């Protein structure tokens, strides 16, 4: 299945392996910093407010602005970027941040369809293999809700098929209202409910492989 590799300057960010790379060597980022960088890249056509970033990174949780500033500083260190003369992440005074470098994004893989899971405010592309849903920082689809287990469920993609499996969660996994026992095949439009949170499984044709935006 497809993943996307975004390239900018000397760097590349791989959504499948969740790595930031420079000259094929990994630049370490914490999970939250990686997620923040990916959000800024995906919404690079505009400045993203601090409030929106906090809601995306820490939904239903109050955090101070210093948490966000700490992540931005971590990203700048990894990118060798400067707050005073930014090449990548620009501070928008009293508002938020914007990713300002030119980016090219290429879908990887040869399938004609892409699969993803959609929450209320995000899309999570699914690569071939296993993607875990849960509250843990290492979850591929991170759902920060009190009713969701750390490793709640997993989606297994094999070529053009996808299945969801519960991982012994406390509040169960449901597909279109039916409890998942064992493995359940997914169809386009299915609602996946993990605890109190509803996600939607989607399949769409892959029509554009590469895009470039300045």
Protein backbone atom coordinates (compact mmCIF):
# COMPACT_ATOMS: atom_id res chain seq x y z
CA UNK A 1 0.00 0.00 0.00
CA UNK A 2 0.98 3.61 -0.37
CA UNK A 3 2.89 5.76 1.96
CA UNK A 4 4.06 9.28 1.20
CA UNK A 5 7.60 10.59 1.26
CA UNK A 6 7.77 14.38 1.48
CA UNK A 7 11.06 15.93 0.31
CA UNK A 8 12.30 19.41 1.15
CA UNK A 9 15.82 20.81 1.05
CA UNK A 10 18.23 18.04 2.01
CA UNK A 11 15.53 16.25 4.02
CA UNK A 12 12.81 13.65 3.51
CA UNK A 13 10.01 12.65 5.87
CA UNK A 14 8.55 9.16 5.42
CA UNK A 15 4.97 8.73 6.67
CA UNK A 16 5.24 4.94 6.47
CA UNK A 17 8.35 4.44 8.60
CA UNK A 18 7.77 7.70 10.54
CA UNK A 19 11.34 8.84 9.95
CA UNK A 20 13.01 12.16 9.21
CA UNK A 21 15.96 11.49 6.91
CA UNK A 22 18.91 13.56 5.71
CA UNK A 23 21.25 11.97 3.17
CA UNK A 24 19.68 8.58 4.08
CA UNK A 25 20.63 9.04 7.76
CA UNK A 26 17.86 9.40 10.33
CA UNK A 27 17.44 12.60 12.31
CA UNK A 28 15.74 11.64 15.55
CA UNK A 29 12.47 13.30 16.51
CA UNK A 30 10.18 12.46 19.41
CA UNK A 31 6.75 11.13 18.36
CA UNK A 32 5.04 14.45 19.11
CA UNK A 33 7.66 16.47 17.26
CA UNK A 34 7.34 14.16 14.24
CA UNK A 35 3.56 14.55 14.31
CA UNK A 36 3.87 18.34 14.54
CA UNK A 37 6.29 18.49 11.61
CA UNK A 38 3.97 16.32 9.52
CA UNK A 39 0.99 18.56 10.33
CA UNK A 40 2.90 21.68 9.33
CA UNK A 41 3.98 20.06 6.06
CA UNK A 42 0.50 18.80 5.23
CA UNK A 43 -1.01 22.25 5.93
CA UNK A 44 1.88 24.19 4.40
CA UNK A 45 -0.40 26.31 2.22
CA UNK A 46 -1.32 28.35 5.31
CA UNK A 47 -0.19 29.33 8.78
CA UNK A 48 -1.53 27.01 11.47
CA UNK A 49 -2.61 28.60 14.73
CA UNK A 50 -1.26 27.51 18.10
CA UNK A 51 -4.78 26.62 19.17
CA UNK A 52 -5.32 24.32 16.17
CA UNK A 53 -1.94 22.67 16.67
CA UNK A 54 -2.62 22.09 20.36
CA UNK A 55 -6.04 20.59 19.55
CA UNK A 56 -4.50 18.24 17.01
CA UNK A 57 -1.55 17.20 19.15
CA UNK A 58 -3.30 17.07 22.52
CA UNK A 59 -7.05 16.65 21.85
CA UNK A 60 -9.26 17.15 24.91
CA UNK A 61 -6.19 17.98 26.99
CA UNK A 62 -5.09 21.39 28.27
CA UNK A 63 -1.41 22.10 27.73
CA UNK A 64 0.60 25.28 27.98
CA UNK A 65 2.13 27.06 24.98
CA UNK A 66 5.59 26.08 26.20
CA UNK A 67 4.90 22.45 25.21
CA UNK A 68 4.36 23.52 21.61
CA UNK A 69 7.36 25.85 21.61
CA UNK A 70 9.54 23.01 22.92
CA UNK A 71 8.48 20.77 20.02
CA UNK A 72 9.15 23.53 17.47
CA UNK A 73 12.63 24.02 18.96
CA UNK A 74 13.24 20.25 18.67
CA UNK A 75 12.19 20.30 15.01
CA UNK A 76 14.45 23.27 14.26
CA UNK A 77 17.43 21.52 15.84
CA UNK A 78 16.82 18.43 13.71
CA UNK A 79 16.51 20.55 10.56
CA UNK A 80 19.41 22.87 11.44
CA UNK A 81 16.87 25.67 11.15
CA UNK A 82 16.86 29.12 12.73
CA UNK A 83 13.99 30.96 14.37
CA UNK A 84 15.53 34.28 13.29
CA UNK A 85 16.10 33.31 9.64
CA UNK A 86 13.93 30.23 9.06
CA UNK A 87 14.31 28.03 6.01
CA UNK A 88 11.60 25.59 7.10
CA UNK A 89 9.48 26.56 10.12
CA UNK A 90 8.50 30.20 10.45
CA UNK A 91 6.94 31.69 13.57
CA UNK A 92 3.85 33.76 12.79
CA UNK A 93 3.92 36.34 15.57
CA UNK A 94 1.14 35.94 18.14
CA UNK A 95 -0.58 33.34 15.96
CA UNK A 96 1.26 30.12 15.23
CA UNK A 97 3.65 28.53 12.73
CA UNK A 98 3.97 27.83 9.03
CA UNK A 99 6.15 25.46 7.00
CA UNK A 100 7.73 27.67 4.32
CA UNK A 101 10.05 25.43 2.25
CA UNK A 102 9.13 23.98 -1.15
CA UNK A 103 7.89 20.40 -0.73
CA UNK A 104 7.45 17.50 -3.14
CA UNK A 105 5.38 14.52 -2.06
CA UNK A 106 5.51 11.15 -3.80
CA UNK A 107 3.24 8.18 -3.11
CA UNK A 108 5.21 4.93 -2.80
CA UNK A 109 3.97 1.56 -4.06
CA UNK A 110 2.26 0.19 -7.14
CA UNK A 111 -1.35 -0.34 -6.10
CA UNK A 112 -4.19 1.51 -7.84
CA UNK A 113 -6.07 2.31 -4.65
CA UNK A 114 -5.12 3.92 -1.39
CA UNK A 115 -6.59 3.05 1.98
CA UNK A 116 -6.81 5.37 4.92
CA UNK A 117 -8.64 5.92 8.18
CA UNK A 118 -10.33 9.24 8.78
CA UNK A 119 -11.04 10.79 12.17
CA UNK A 120 -13.00 13.98 12.79
CA UNK A 121 -10.01 16.13 11.81
CA UNK A 122 -7.26 13.94 10.31
CA UNK A 123 -6.53 11.28 7.73
CA UNK A 124 -4.16 8.41 8.49
CA UNK A 125 -2.80 6.63 5.38
CA UNK A 126 -2.47 2.87 5.73
CA UNK A 127 0.64 1.09 4.47
CA UNK A 128 0.82 -2.61 3.70
CA UNK A 129 1.37 -4.43 6.98
CA UNK A 130 0.14 -3.69 10.50
CA UNK A 131 -1.07 -0.34 11.84
CA UNK A 132 -1.94 -0.15 15.54
CA UNK A 133 -4.74 2.08 16.86
CA UNK A 134 -4.45 3.30 20.46
CA UNK A 135 -3.31 5.90 22.98
CA UNK A 136 0.35 4.81 23.03
CA UNK A 137 2.93 7.12 21.47
CA UNK A 138 4.07 4.33 19.15
CA UNK A 139 0.57 3.73 17.73
CA UNK A 140 0.30 4.36 14.00
CA UNK A 141 -3.15 5.85 14.53
CA UNK A 142 -2.94 7.64 17.86
CA UNK A 143 -6.29 8.28 19.55
CA UNK A 144 -5.89 10.21 22.78
CA UNK A 145 -9.11 9.35 24.59
CA UNK A 146 -9.68 7.92 28.06
CA UNK A 147 -11.87 5.12 26.71
CA UNK A 148 -9.21 3.89 24.29
CA UNK A 149 -6.59 1.34 25.35
CA UNK A 150 -2.88 1.96 24.77
CA UNK A 151 -2.86 -0.68 22.03
CA UNK A 152 -6.57 -0.99 21.31
CA UNK A 153 -6.83 -2.57 17.86
CA UNK A 154 -4.85 -3.09 14.70
CA UNK A 155 -5.52 -2.90 10.98
CA UNK A 156 -3.75 -5.44 8.79
CA UNK A 157 -3.37 -4.55 5.11
CA UNK A 158 -2.38 -7.19 2.54
CA UNK A 159 -2.30 -5.90 -1.03
CA UNK A 160 -5.86 -4.69 -1.70
CA UNK A 161 -7.50 -6.10 1.45
CA UNK A 162 -7.73 -4.81 5.00
CA UNK A 163 -8.85 -6.44 8.26
CA UNK A 164 -9.25 -5.04 11.76
CA UNK A 165 -8.52 -7.01 14.92
CA UNK A 166 -9.15 -6.12 18.56
CA UNK A 167 -6.07 -6.32 20.81
CA UNK A 168 -7.85 -7.28 24.02
CA UNK A 169 -9.05 -3.73 24.64
CA UNK A 170 -11.11 -2.86 27.69
CA UNK A 171 -14.00 -1.25 25.80
CA UNK A 172 -13.96 -3.29 22.61
CA UNK A 173 -13.69 -2.61 18.90
CA UNK A 174 -16.77 -2.38 16.67
CA UNK A 175 -17.26 -2.26 12.90
CA UNK A 176 -20.55 -0.76 11.73
CA UNK A 177 -22.03 -1.45 15.17
CA UNK A 178 -20.91 -5.09 15.42
CA UNK A 179 -18.30 -6.19 17.95
CA UNK A 180 -15.05 -7.47 16.48
CA UNK A 181 -14.15 -10.97 17.63
CA UNK A 182 -11.06 -12.25 15.88
CA UNK A 183 -10.55 -10.60 12.48
CA UNK A 184 -13.11 -8.52 10.57
CA UNK A 185 -12.75 -7.54 6.89
CA UNK A 186 -13.13 -3.84 6.16
CA UNK A 187 -15.11 -2.27 3.34
CA UNK A 188 -15.04 1.30 2.07
CA UNK A 189 -17.12 3.49 4.39
CA UNK A 190 -17.09 1.15 7.39
CA UNK A 191 -17.20 2.85 10.78
CA UNK A 192 -14.54 1.56 13.17
CA UNK A 193 -15.36 2.40 16.78
CA UNK A 194 -12.59 2.07 19.36
CA UNK A 195 -14.08 2.76 22.76
CA UNK A 196 -15.99 6.06 22.41
CA UNK A 197 -14.15 7.20 19.26
CA UNK A 198 -15.49 6.68 15.74
CA UNK A 199 -13.15 6.36 12.74
CA UNK A 200 -14.04 5.79 9.10
CA UNK A 201 -12.22 3.36 6.79
CA UNK A 202 -11.96 4.64 3.22
CA UNK A 203 -10.63 3.36 -0.08
CA UNK A 204 -10.11 5.75 -2.96
CA UNK A 205 -8.45 5.58 -6.40
CA UNK A 206 -4.87 6.79 -6.53
CA UNK A 207 -4.91 9.37 -9.31
CA UNK A 208 -1.91 11.55 -8.55
CA UNK A 209 1.47 10.09 -7.61
CA UNK A 210 3.51 13.26 -7.14
CA UNK A 211 2.77 16.85 -6.24
CA UNK A 212 4.99 19.86 -5.83
CA UNK A 213 4.00 23.04 -4.00
CA UNK A 214 6.10 26.10 -3.35
